[in-house]
Amino acid sequence: MVRVINLTLPIYFGVRKKYMLGLNWYGTAHYRARNKVKQDFHKMIDKNLSEDYKLKSPIKTSYRLYYKNKLSDAGNIVSVIDKFLLDALQETGIIVNDNVQHYIESTWEVIEQDRINPRIEVEIIGGSFE
């Protein structure tokens, strides 16, 4: 049986200061700042999902990006959001693991510019695909 979870996530995140979650930020941020943003991101995921959302392997993700700035690098954004999301799902027990035995596919597409509500919509699919 296939099960689907749909989430809308911010691409700018932080408590005191908002960061665009992307590899440019991730590669230059102080490790404490990165860890704090990752912890807060995990709390946000945990608040929105409960263990009732458990997904069986294998899992797939599909991302739809609504960017704020037309110079945004979609691959940089999706890669960090994907990492933070999968770690949060594993930490909360919604997925067993995010290694290659369990996480088999990810796709993303750029939808359009949204200066007011930049975001990423994600569909997480788990279960048997046969």
Protein backbone atom coordinates (compact mmCIF):
# COMPACT_ATOMS: atom_id res chain seq x y z
CA MET A 1 0.00 0.00 0.00
CA VAL A 2 1.29 3.44 -0.95
CA ARG A 3 0.99 6.30 1.54
CA VAL A 4 1.51 10.00 0.79
CA ILE A 5 2.43 12.94 3.03
CA ASN A 6 2.20 16.49 1.68
CA LEU A 7 3.99 19.37 3.40
CA THR A 8 4.60 23.02 2.66
CA LEU A 9 7.93 24.20 4.07
CA PRO A 10 9.56 27.62 4.23
CA ILE A 11 12.80 28.14 2.34
CA TYR A 12 13.72 31.06 4.62
CA PHE A 13 14.08 29.78 8.14
CA GLY A 14 15.38 30.85 11.53
CA VAL A 15 14.19 32.24 14.83
CA ARG A 16 16.16 35.44 15.34
CA LYS A 17 17.47 35.81 11.80
CA LYS A 18 16.00 34.20 8.70
CA TYR A 19 18.36 32.29 6.40
CA MET A 20 17.60 30.98 2.95
CA LEU A 21 18.23 27.29 3.42
CA GLY A 22 20.70 26.48 0.67
CA LEU A 23 24.22 25.21 0.18
CA ASN A 24 25.62 28.75 0.02
CA TRP A 25 24.34 29.42 3.54
CA TYR A 26 25.13 25.91 4.78
CA GLY A 27 28.73 26.02 3.59
CA THR A 28 29.52 29.37 5.20
CA ALA A 29 27.40 29.36 8.37
CA HIS A 30 28.99 28.76 11.74
CA TYR A 31 28.38 25.19 12.91
CA ARG A 32 26.34 26.42 15.90
CA ALA A 33 24.07 28.48 13.64
CA ARG A 34 23.63 25.51 11.27
CA ASN A 35 22.85 23.19 14.16
CA LYS A 36 20.32 25.63 15.66
CA VAL A 37 18.51 26.09 12.36
CA LYS A 38 18.49 22.31 11.81
CA GLN A 39 17.08 21.69 15.32
CA ASP A 40 14.37 24.32 14.82
CA PHE A 41 13.55 22.85 11.41
CA HIS A 42 13.21 19.40 13.04
CA LYS A 43 10.87 20.86 15.69
CA MET A 44 8.72 22.37 12.95
CA ILE A 45 8.47 19.00 11.18
CA ASP A 46 7.75 17.23 14.47
CA LYS A 47 4.95 19.70 15.24
CA ASN A 48 3.32 19.12 11.85
CA LEU A 49 3.59 15.34 11.77
CA SER A 50 2.98 12.63 14.33
CA GLU A 51 4.03 9.00 14.40
CA ASP A 52 0.65 8.23 12.80
CA TYR A 53 2.36 9.28 9.58
CA LYS A 54 4.80 6.34 9.54
CA LEU A 55 5.93 5.46 6.03
CA LYS A 56 7.10 2.07 4.88
CA SER A 57 10.12 1.73 2.63
CA PRO A 58 10.91 2.49 -0.08
CA ILE A 59 10.29 6.23 -0.04
CA LYS A 60 10.33 8.88 -2.76
CA THR A 61 10.14 12.67 -2.58
CA SER A 62 8.97 15.30 -5.01
CA TYR A 63 9.72 19.00 -4.43
CA ARG A 64 7.98 22.03 -5.98
CA LEU A 65 9.90 25.28 -5.48
CA TYR A 66 8.34 28.75 -5.30
CA TYR A 67 11.35 31.08 -5.15
CA LYS A 68 11.59 34.67 -3.94
CA ASN A 69 14.61 35.84 -5.91
CA LYS A 70 15.00 34.90 -9.57
CA LEU A 71 18.75 34.43 -8.99
CA SER A 72 18.02 31.57 -6.55
CA ASP A 73 19.80 28.29 -7.23
CA ALA A 74 17.09 25.63 -6.94
CA GLY A 75 19.51 22.70 -6.53
CA ASN A 76 21.21 24.43 -3.60
CA ILE A 77 17.88 24.99 -1.85
CA VAL A 78 16.41 21.54 -2.50
CA SER A 79 19.53 19.70 -1.33
CA VAL A 80 19.56 21.31 2.13
CA ILE A 81 15.78 21.07 2.62
CA ASP A 82 15.92 17.40 1.54
CA LYS A 83 18.69 16.63 4.04
CA PHE A 84 17.01 18.45 6.93
CA LEU A 85 13.60 16.92 6.13
CA LEU A 86 14.82 13.33 5.84
CA ASP A 87 16.89 13.62 9.03
CA ALA A 88 13.80 14.96 10.84
CA LEU A 89 11.60 12.16 9.48
CA GLN A 90 14.16 9.57 10.60
CA GLU A 91 14.59 11.20 14.02
CA THR A 92 10.83 11.18 14.64
CA GLY A 93 10.46 7.57 13.50
CA ILE A 94 8.29 8.38 10.48
CA ILE A 95 10.82 6.65 8.22
CA VAL A 96 13.21 3.87 9.13
CA ASN A 97 16.26 5.32 7.41
CA ASP A 98 17.20 7.63 4.55
CA ASN A 99 19.94 5.47 3.09
CA VAL A 100 19.85 4.02 -0.44
CA GLN A 101 18.01 0.92 0.72
CA HIS A 102 15.04 3.03 1.83
CA TYR A 103 15.22 6.37 -0.04
CA ILE A 104 15.15 5.53 -3.73
CA GLU A 105 14.07 8.63 -5.64
CA SER A 106 13.87 12.42 -5.44
CA THR A 107 12.66 14.89 -8.04
CA TRP A 108 12.23 18.64 -8.01
CA GLU A 109 10.81 21.32 -10.22
CA VAL A 110 10.75 25.10 -10.19
CA ILE A 111 7.18 26.37 -10.29
CA GLU A 112 7.29 30.18 -10.18
CA GLN A 113 8.42 33.28 -8.36
CA ASP A 114 6.50 34.16 -5.18
CA ARG A 115 8.00 37.16 -3.43
CA ILE A 116 5.38 37.13 -0.67
CA ASN A 117 5.40 33.43 0.25
CA PRO A 118 8.56 31.70 -1.02
CA ARG A 119 8.29 28.03 -0.13
CA ILE A 120 8.84 24.47 -1.12
CA GLU A 121 6.02 21.98 -1.35
CA VAL A 122 7.04 18.40 -0.81
CA GLU A 123 5.25 15.15 -1.46
CA ILE A 124 6.68 12.15 0.38
CA ILE A 125 5.55 8.76 -0.86
CA GLY A 126 6.18 5.55 1.02
CA GLY A 127 5.25 1.96 0.52
CA SER A 128 5.24 -0.60 -2.24
CA PHE A 129 5.36 0.78 -5.78
CA GLU A 130 4.90 -2.51 -7.60
